[in-house]
Amino acid sequence: MTIDLYYWPTPNGWKTTICLEEMGLDYAVHLINIGAGDQFAPDFLKIAPNNRMPAIVDPDGPDGAPISVFESGAILQYLARKTGQFGGPTERDRIAVDQWLMWQMGGLGPMAGQAHHFLKYAPNMDPPQDISYAKDRYRAETARLYGVLDRQLAKHEFVAGDFYSIADMSIWGWASLWEGQQQTLDDKPHMARWLETVSARPGVERGRAVAAEKRGDYKGDKAAQDRLFKRD
């Protein structure tokens, strides 16, 4: 049965399209234009009350009843349990996958996201918010996290071990944007190797390509910025 995916081409959105492609699941894309404020529409809030995409509705949920799932990490865990794919082959492996998935959700995603915000968006806001402390803080924390990732990948082919998993899917989108976070891979050869390996996977290529033409930076669009960064 076809899964409904509510999506926009961002690192969090890519997690779900990559996962669905890697698992060979049928899905229908419903674009949630975050620059236009679609994430605040009442119908979408019924599925994703935190007004963030992605979200899914699976008509074939537990016990055959439909279910909606929001939060990208929860979606990946749900799909891994549903299909028995990419969650880790043993219980110890599954624990490792969960650890690194939570590391991305609680660490890399928020820190890299703040780096993007203060390095890329805030200086172009009206009025400009060019805050040196914030830029240094999030750039440095993102660098620290990539150091953690590089040391882990020195020991294993993939993030949670020598097997590809939803942990890799969750991290790849953010890590692939390292240049915009003002990072370097010169001292992170294992991360560089992993990025190249994951980027070459057909499922990753297909997932990254979904609605790629819609991706924008919003730097010169004050109305879109107001919608993206509203505090409600």
C-alpha atoms as a PDB file:
ATOM      1  CA  MET A   1       0.000   0.000   0.000  1.00  0.00           C
ATOM      2  CA  THR A   2       1.232   3.493  -0.825  1.00  0.00           C
ATOM      3  CA  ILE A   3       2.651   5.600   2.014  1.00  0.00           C
ATOM      4  CA  ASP A   4       1.819   9.316   1.933  1.00  0.00           C
ATOM      5  CA  LEU A   5       4.938  11.413   2.493  1.00  0.00           C
ATOM      6  CA  TYR A   6       4.733  15.081   3.467  1.00  0.00           C
ATOM      7  CA  TYR A   7       8.041  16.488   2.356  1.00  0.00           C
ATOM      8  CA  TRP A   8      10.299  19.342   1.306  1.00  0.00           C
ATOM      9  CA  PRO A   9      13.869  18.875  -0.018  1.00  0.00           C
ATOM     10  CA  THR A  10      15.896  19.544   3.127  1.00  0.00           C
ATOM     11  CA  PRO A  11      18.294  17.305   5.087  1.00  0.00           C
ATOM     12  CA  ASN A  12      15.410  16.115   7.271  1.00  0.00           C
ATOM     13  CA  GLY A  13      13.211  15.531   4.253  1.00  0.00           C
ATOM     14  CA  TRP A  14      15.952  13.584   2.473  1.00  0.00           C
ATOM     15  CA  LYS A  15      16.103  11.092   5.327  1.00  0.00           C
ATOM     16  CA  THR A  16      12.630   9.844   4.516  1.00  0.00           C
ATOM     17  CA  THR A  17      12.917   9.775   0.726  1.00  0.00           C
ATOM     18  CA  ILE A  18      16.250   7.958   0.986  1.00  0.00           C
ATOM     19  CA  CYS A  19      14.799   5.482   3.473  1.00  0.00           C
ATOM     20  CA  LEU A  20      11.717   4.812   1.354  1.00  0.00           C
ATOM     21  CA  GLU A  21      13.844   4.371  -1.763  1.00  0.00           C
ATOM     22  CA  GLU A  22      16.350   2.099  -0.035  1.00  0.00           C
ATOM     23  CA  MET A  23      13.526  -0.056   1.325  1.00  0.00           C
ATOM     24  CA  GLY A  24      11.726  -0.229  -2.013  1.00  0.00           C
ATOM     25  CA  LEU A  25       8.461   1.092  -0.569  1.00  0.00           C
ATOM     26  CA  ASP A  26       5.755   2.774  -2.637  1.00  0.00           C
ATOM     27  CA  TYR A  27       5.112   6.347  -1.610  1.00  0.00           C
ATOM     28  CA  ALA A  28       3.301   9.436  -2.822  1.00  0.00           C
ATOM     29  CA  VAL A  29       4.931  12.823  -2.258  1.00  0.00           C
ATOM     30  CA  HIS A  30       2.900  15.737  -0.918  1.00  0.00           C
ATOM     31  CA  LEU A  31       5.059  18.852  -1.016  1.00  0.00           C
ATOM     32  CA  ILE A  32       5.054  21.014   2.105  1.00  0.00           C
ATOM     33  CA  ASN A  33       6.544  24.297   0.949  1.00  0.00           C
ATOM     34  CA  ILE A  34       8.135  25.571   4.137  1.00  0.00           C
ATOM     35  CA  GLY A  35       8.944  28.926   2.543  1.00  0.00           C
ATOM     36  CA  ALA A  36       5.262  29.440   1.746  1.00  0.00           C
ATOM     37  CA  GLY A  37       4.107  28.389   5.222  1.00  0.00           C
ATOM     38  CA  ASP A  38       2.451  25.075   4.269  1.00  0.00           C
ATOM     39  CA  GLN A  39       3.719  23.569   7.534  1.00  0.00           C
ATOM     40  CA  PHE A  40       1.196  25.706   9.434  1.00  0.00           C
ATOM     41  CA  ALA A  41      -1.853  24.515   7.499  1.00  0.00           C
ATOM     42  CA  PRO A  42      -4.488  22.959   9.807  1.00  0.00           C
ATOM     43  CA  ASP A  43      -4.650  19.707   7.843  1.00  0.00           C
ATOM     44  CA  PHE A  44      -0.898  19.251   8.092  1.00  0.00           C
ATOM     45  CA  LEU A  45      -0.889  20.062  11.810  1.00  0.00           C
ATOM     46  CA  LYS A  46      -3.254  17.141  12.364  1.00  0.00           C
ATOM     47  CA  ILE A  47      -0.425  14.890  11.142  1.00  0.00           C
ATOM     48  CA  ALA A  48       2.569  16.869  12.428  1.00  0.00           C
ATOM     49  CA  PRO A  49       1.563  18.973  15.450  1.00  0.00           C
ATOM     50  CA  ASN A  50       5.081  20.412  15.784  1.00  0.00           C
ATOM     51  CA  ASN A  51       4.629  22.116  12.366  1.00  0.00           C
ATOM     52  CA  ARG A  52       7.725  20.475  10.951  1.00  0.00           C
ATOM     53  CA  MET A  53       8.073  18.153   8.021  1.00  0.00           C
ATOM     54  CA  PRO A  54       8.632  15.352   7.166  1.00  0.00           C
ATOM     55  CA  ALA A  55       5.674  13.286   8.222  1.00  0.00           C
ATOM     56  CA  ILE A  56       4.099  10.139   6.824  1.00  0.00           C
ATOM     57  CA  VAL A  57       0.716   8.460   6.811  1.00  0.00           C
ATOM     58  CA  ASP A  58       0.914   4.709   6.398  1.00  0.00           C
ATOM     59  CA  PRO A  59      -2.470   3.181   5.491  1.00  0.00           C
ATOM     60  CA  ASP A  60      -1.124  -0.217   6.553  1.00  0.00           C
ATOM     61  CA  GLY A  61       0.006   0.565  10.088  1.00  0.00           C
ATOM     62  CA  PRO A  62      -0.009  -1.657  13.176  1.00  0.00           C
ATOM     63  CA  ASP A  63      -2.835  -4.215  13.083  1.00  0.00           C
ATOM     64  CA  GLY A  64      -3.599  -3.045   9.548  1.00  0.00           C
ATOM     65  CA  ALA A  65      -4.958   0.323  10.701  1.00  0.00           C
ATOM     66  CA  PRO A  66      -3.645   3.633   9.301  1.00  0.00           C
ATOM     67  CA  ILE A  67      -1.078   5.553  11.319  1.00  0.00           C
ATOM     68  CA  SER A  68       0.599   8.952  10.989  1.00  0.00           C
ATOM     69  CA  VAL A  69       4.170   9.493  12.168  1.00  0.00           C
ATOM     70  CA  PHE A  70       6.025  12.782  12.561  1.00  0.00           C
ATOM     71  CA  GLU A  71       9.698  13.480  13.477  1.00  0.00           C
ATOM     72  CA  SER A  72      12.211  12.163  10.951  1.00  0.00           C
ATOM     73  CA  GLY A  73      14.018   9.846  13.380  1.00  0.00           C
ATOM     74  CA  ALA A  74      10.760   8.267  14.517  1.00  0.00           C
ATOM     75  CA  ILE A  75       9.786   7.734  10.870  1.00  0.00           C
ATOM     76  CA  LEU A  76      13.062   5.930  10.163  1.00  0.00           C
ATOM     77  CA  GLN A  77      12.667   3.718  13.238  1.00  0.00           C
ATOM     78  CA  TYR A  78       9.062   2.933  12.331  1.00  0.00           C
ATOM     79  CA  LEU A  79       9.940   1.965   8.770  1.00  0.00           C
ATOM     80  CA  ALA A  80      12.903  -0.135   9.915  1.00  0.00           C
ATOM     81  CA  ARG A  81      10.647  -2.069  12.298  1.00  0.00           C
ATOM     82  CA  LYS A  82       7.902  -2.384   9.717  1.00  0.00           C
ATOM     83  CA  THR A  83      10.154  -3.801   7.014  1.00  0.00           C
ATOM     84  CA  GLY A  84      12.887  -5.474   9.037  1.00  0.00           C
ATOM     85  CA  GLN A  85      15.449  -3.513   6.988  1.00  0.00           C
ATOM     86  CA  PHE A  86      18.371  -1.252   7.923  1.00  0.00           C
ATOM     87  CA  GLY A  87      17.737  -1.342  11.658  1.00  0.00           C
ATOM     88  CA  GLY A  88      20.687  -3.599  12.423  1.00  0.00           C
ATOM     89  CA  PRO A  89      21.005  -7.386  12.105  1.00  0.00           C
ATOM     90  CA  THR A  90      21.369  -8.140  15.865  1.00  0.00           C
ATOM     91  CA  GLU A  91      20.099  -6.580  19.072  1.00  0.00           C
ATOM     92  CA  ARG A  92      23.531  -5.130  19.814  1.00  0.00           C
ATOM     93  CA  ASP A  93      23.600  -3.669  16.315  1.00  0.00           C
ATOM     94  CA  ARG A  94      20.127  -2.201  16.777  1.00  0.00           C
ATOM     95  CA  ILE A  95      21.274  -0.499  19.970  1.00  0.00           C
ATOM     96  CA  ALA A  96      24.242   0.979  18.083  1.00  0.00           C
ATOM     97  CA  VAL A  97      21.916   2.211  15.324  1.00  0.00           C
ATOM     98  CA  ASP A  98      19.610   3.846  17.861  1.00  0.00           C
ATOM     99  CA  GLN A  99      22.556   5.549  19.577  1.00  0.00           C
ATOM    100  CA  TRP A 100      23.806   7.134  16.378  1.00  0.00           C
ATOM    101  CA  LEU A 101      20.314   8.029  15.224  1.00  0.00           C
ATOM    102  CA  MET A 102      19.764   9.869  18.516  1.00  0.00           C
ATOM    103  CA  TRP A 103      23.208  11.479  18.123  1.00  0.00           C
ATOM    104  CA  GLN A 104      22.046  12.933  14.846  1.00  0.00           C
ATOM    105  CA  MET A 105      18.616  13.971  16.088  1.00  0.00           C
ATOM    106  CA  GLY A 106      19.846  15.564  19.314  1.00  0.00           C
ATOM    107  CA  GLY A 107      23.289  16.733  18.216  1.00  0.00           C
ATOM    108  CA  LEU A 108      24.344  17.026  14.606  1.00  0.00           C
ATOM    109  CA  GLY A 109      21.001  18.105  13.164  1.00  0.00           C
ATOM    110  CA  PRO A 110      20.348  20.932  15.630  1.00  0.00           C
ATOM    111  CA  MET A 111      23.962  22.142  15.706  1.00  0.00           C
ATOM    112  CA  ALA A 112      24.496  22.039  11.942  1.00  0.00           C
ATOM    113  CA  GLY A 113      21.091  23.649  11.511  1.00  0.00           C
ATOM    114  CA  GLN A 114      22.072  26.504  13.816  1.00  0.00           C
ATOM    115  CA  ALA A 115      25.378  26.835  11.961  1.00  0.00           C
ATOM    116  CA  HIS A 116      23.450  27.202   8.702  1.00  0.00           C
ATOM    117  CA  HIS A 117      21.144  29.751  10.320  1.00  0.00           C
ATOM    118  CA  PHE A 118      23.772  32.040  11.819  1.00  0.00           C
ATOM    119  CA  LEU A 119      26.326  31.701   9.017  1.00  0.00           C
ATOM    120  CA  LYS A 120      23.953  31.861   6.062  1.00  0.00           C
ATOM    121  CA  TYR A 121      20.562  33.306   6.946  1.00  0.00           C
ATOM    122  CA  ALA A 122      20.934  35.625   9.931  1.00  0.00           C
ATOM    123  CA  PRO A 123      23.431  38.031   8.267  1.00  0.00           C
ATOM    124  CA  ASN A 124      20.942  38.491   5.407  1.00  0.00           C
ATOM    125  CA  MET A 125      17.915  39.174   7.583  1.00  0.00           C
ATOM    126  CA  ASP A 126      16.278  42.585   7.911  1.00  0.00           C
ATOM    127  CA  PRO A 127      17.841  43.976   9.991  1.00  0.00           C
ATOM    128  CA  PRO A 128      21.031  41.884   9.599  1.00  0.00           C
ATOM    129  CA  GLN A 129      21.927  39.637  12.527  1.00  0.00           C
ATOM    130  CA  ASP A 130      25.648  39.081  12.018  1.00  0.00           C
ATOM    131  CA  ILE A 131      26.496  37.639  15.425  1.00  0.00           C
ATOM    132  CA  SER A 132      30.131  36.575  15.755  1.00  0.00           C
ATOM    133  CA  TYR A 133      29.634  34.597  18.966  1.00  0.00           C
ATOM    134  CA  ALA A 134      26.779  32.544  17.507  1.00  0.00           C
ATOM    135  CA  LYS A 135      28.691  31.858  14.286  1.00  0.00           C
ATOM    136  CA  ASP A 136      31.788  30.749  16.172  1.00  0.00           C
ATOM    137  CA  ARG A 137      29.780  28.687  18.661  1.00  0.00           C
ATOM    138  CA  TYR A 138      27.837  26.606  16.143  1.00  0.00           C
ATOM    139  CA  ARG A 139      30.653  26.310  13.631  1.00  0.00           C
ATOM    140  CA  ALA A 140      32.927  24.955  16.389  1.00  0.00           C
ATOM    141  CA  GLU A 141      30.320  22.557  17.795  1.00  0.00           C
ATOM    142  CA  THR A 142      29.570  21.205  14.330  1.00  0.00           C
ATOM    143  CA  ALA A 143      33.304  20.656  13.833  1.00  0.00           C
ATOM    144  CA  ARG A 144      33.494  18.798  17.144  1.00  0.00           C
ATOM    145  CA  LEU A 145      30.630  16.530  16.129  1.00  0.00           C
ATOM    146  CA  TYR A 146      32.238  15.780  12.767  1.00  0.00           C
ATOM    147  CA  GLY A 147      35.382  14.837  14.669  1.00  0.00           C
ATOM    148  CA  VAL A 148      33.318  12.333  16.682  1.00  0.00           C
ATOM    149  CA  LEU A 149      31.884  10.970  13.442  1.00  0.00           C
ATOM    150  CA  ASP A 150      35.295  10.684  11.789  1.00  0.00           C
ATOM    151  CA  ARG A 151      36.728   8.742  14.727  1.00  0.00           C
ATOM    152  CA  GLN A 152      33.775   6.342  14.656  1.00  0.00           C
ATOM    153  CA  LEU A 153      34.189   5.821  10.915  1.00  0.00           C
ATOM    154  CA  ALA A 154      37.888   5.074  11.430  1.00  0.00           C
ATOM    155  CA  LYS A 155      36.734   1.888  13.163  1.00  0.00           C
ATOM    156  CA  HIS A 156      33.803   0.882  10.951  1.00  0.00           C
ATOM    157  CA  GLU A 157      32.721   1.090   7.326  1.00  0.00           C
ATOM    158  CA  PHE A 158      29.420   2.702   8.307  1.00  0.00           C
ATOM    159  CA  VAL A 159      28.282   4.721  11.287  1.00  0.00           C
ATOM    160  CA  ALA A 160      26.819   2.017  13.526  1.00  0.00           C
ATOM    161  CA  GLY A 161      29.130  -0.784  12.375  1.00  0.00           C
ATOM    162  CA  ASP A 162      30.086  -2.595   9.220  1.00  0.00           C
ATOM    163  CA  PHE A 163      26.529  -2.468   7.890  1.00  0.00           C
ATOM    164  CA  TYR A 164      24.501   0.319   6.287  1.00  0.00           C
ATOM    165  CA  SER A 165      21.571   1.488   8.403  1.00  0.00           C
ATOM    166  CA  ILE A 166      19.017   4.185   9.098  1.00  0.00           C
ATOM    167  CA  ALA A 167      21.731   5.889  11.163  1.00  0.00           C
ATOM    168  CA  ASP A 168      23.695   6.534   7.979  1.00  0.00           C
ATOM    169  CA  MET A 169      20.542   7.757   6.242  1.00  0.00           C
ATOM    170  CA  SER A 170      19.824  10.210   9.048  1.00  0.00           C
ATOM    171  CA  ILE A 171      23.330  11.665   9.184  1.00  0.00           C
ATOM    172  CA  TRP A 172      24.194  11.809   5.496  1.00  0.00           C
ATOM    173  CA  GLY A 173      21.947  14.729   4.520  1.00  0.00           C
ATOM    174  CA  TRP A 174      23.378  17.071   7.140  1.00  0.00           C
ATOM    175  CA  ALA A 175      26.956  15.879   6.653  1.00  0.00           C
ATOM    176  CA  SER A 176      26.728  16.288   2.885  1.00  0.00           C
ATOM    177  CA  LEU A 177      26.295  20.046   3.434  1.00  0.00           C
ATOM    178  CA  TRP A 178      29.560  20.429   5.350  1.00  0.00           C
ATOM    179  CA  GLU A 179      30.820  23.225   3.093  1.00  0.00           C
ATOM    180  CA  GLY A 180      27.838  25.458   3.904  1.00  0.00           C
ATOM    181  CA  GLN A 181      28.583  24.861   7.592  1.00  0.00           C
ATOM    182  CA  GLN A 182      32.114  26.192   6.957  1.00  0.00           C
ATOM    183  CA  GLN A 183      33.753  22.873   7.769  1.00  0.00           C
ATOM    184  CA  THR A 184      36.721  21.024   6.312  1.00  0.00           C
ATOM    185  CA  LEU A 185      37.297  17.376   5.471  1.00  0.00           C
ATOM    186  CA  ASP A 186      41.081  17.769   5.252  1.00  0.00           C
ATOM    187  CA  ASP A 187      41.457  16.320   8.737  1.00  0.00           C
ATOM    188  CA  LYS A 188      38.507  13.919   8.441  1.00  0.00           C
ATOM    189  CA  PRO A 189      39.485  11.295   5.858  1.00  0.00           C
ATOM    190  CA  HIS A 190      37.126   8.646   7.210  1.00  0.00           C
ATOM    191  CA  MET A 191      34.128  10.955   7.031  1.00  0.00           C
ATOM    192  CA  ALA A 192      35.156  11.914   3.485  1.00  0.00           C
ATOM    193  CA  ARG A 193      35.350   8.244   2.495  1.00  0.00           C
ATOM    194  CA  TRP A 194      31.951   7.535   4.046  1.00  0.00           C
ATOM    195  CA  LEU A 195      30.325  10.518   2.330  1.00  0.00           C
ATOM    196  CA  GLU A 196      31.573   9.303  -1.027  1.00  0.00           C
ATOM    197  CA  THR A 197      30.391   5.738  -0.376  1.00  0.00           C
ATOM    198  CA  VAL A 198      26.899   6.723   0.784  1.00  0.00           C
ATOM    199  CA  SER A 199      26.464   9.370  -1.915  1.00  0.00           C
ATOM    200  CA  ALA A 200      27.071   6.729  -4.595  1.00  0.00           C
ATOM    201  CA  ARG A 201      24.229   4.477  -3.433  1.00  0.00           C
ATOM    202  CA  PRO A 202      21.379   4.458  -5.995  1.00  0.00           C
ATOM    203  CA  GLY A 203      18.763   4.779  -3.251  1.00  0.00           C
ATOM    204  CA  VAL A 204      20.499   7.852  -1.879  1.00  0.00           C
ATOM    205  CA  GLU A 205      20.762   9.386  -5.340  1.00  0.00           C
ATOM    206  CA  ARG A 206      17.055   8.802  -5.975  1.00  0.00           C
ATOM    207  CA  GLY A 207      15.997  10.064  -2.565  1.00  0.00           C
ATOM    208  CA  ARG A 208      18.117  13.191  -2.841  1.00  0.00           C
ATOM    209  CA  ALA A 209      16.650  13.922  -6.279  1.00  0.00           C
ATOM    210  CA  VAL A 210      13.011  14.081  -5.121  1.00  0.00           C
ATOM    211  CA  ALA A 211      11.762  17.619  -5.840  1.00  0.00           C
ATOM    212  CA  ALA A 212      15.388  18.804  -5.961  1.00  0.00           C
ATOM    213  CA  GLU A 213      14.358  21.629  -8.265  1.00  0.00           C
ATOM    214  CA  LYS A 214      12.268  23.123  -5.431  1.00  0.00           C
ATOM    215  CA  ARG A 215      15.208  23.589  -3.099  1.00  0.00           C
ATOM    216  CA  GLY A 216      16.069  27.227  -2.396  1.00  0.00           C
ATOM    217  CA  ASP A 217      18.156  29.186   0.074  1.00  0.00           C
ATOM    218  CA  TYR A 218      15.608  31.943   0.941  1.00  0.00           C
ATOM    219  CA  LYS A 219      18.450  34.390   1.626  1.00  0.00           C
ATOM    220  CA  GLY A 220      16.795  37.208  -0.298  1.00  0.00           C
ATOM    221  CA  ASP A 221      13.187  36.382   0.558  1.00  0.00           C
ATOM    222  CA  LYS A 222      12.133  38.195   3.723  1.00  0.00           C
ATOM    223  CA  ALA A 223       8.570  36.858   3.629  1.00  0.00           C
ATOM    224  CA  ALA A 224       9.850  33.281   3.414  1.00  0.00           C
ATOM    225  CA  GLN A 225      12.298  33.946   6.250  1.00  0.00           C
ATOM    226  CA  ASP A 226       9.480  35.277   8.411  1.00  0.00           C
ATOM    227  CA  ARG A 227       7.509  32.097   7.800  1.00  0.00           C
ATOM    228  CA  LEU A 228      10.510  29.819   8.327  1.00  0.00           C
ATOM    229  CA  PHE A 229      11.668  31.455  11.541  1.00  0.00           C
ATOM    230  CA  LYS A 230       8.360  32.495  13.095  1.00  0.00           C
ATOM    231  CA  ARG A 231       8.161  31.854  16.824  1.00  0.00           C
ATOM    232  CA  ASP A 232       4.575  30.556  17.093  1.00  0.00           C
END
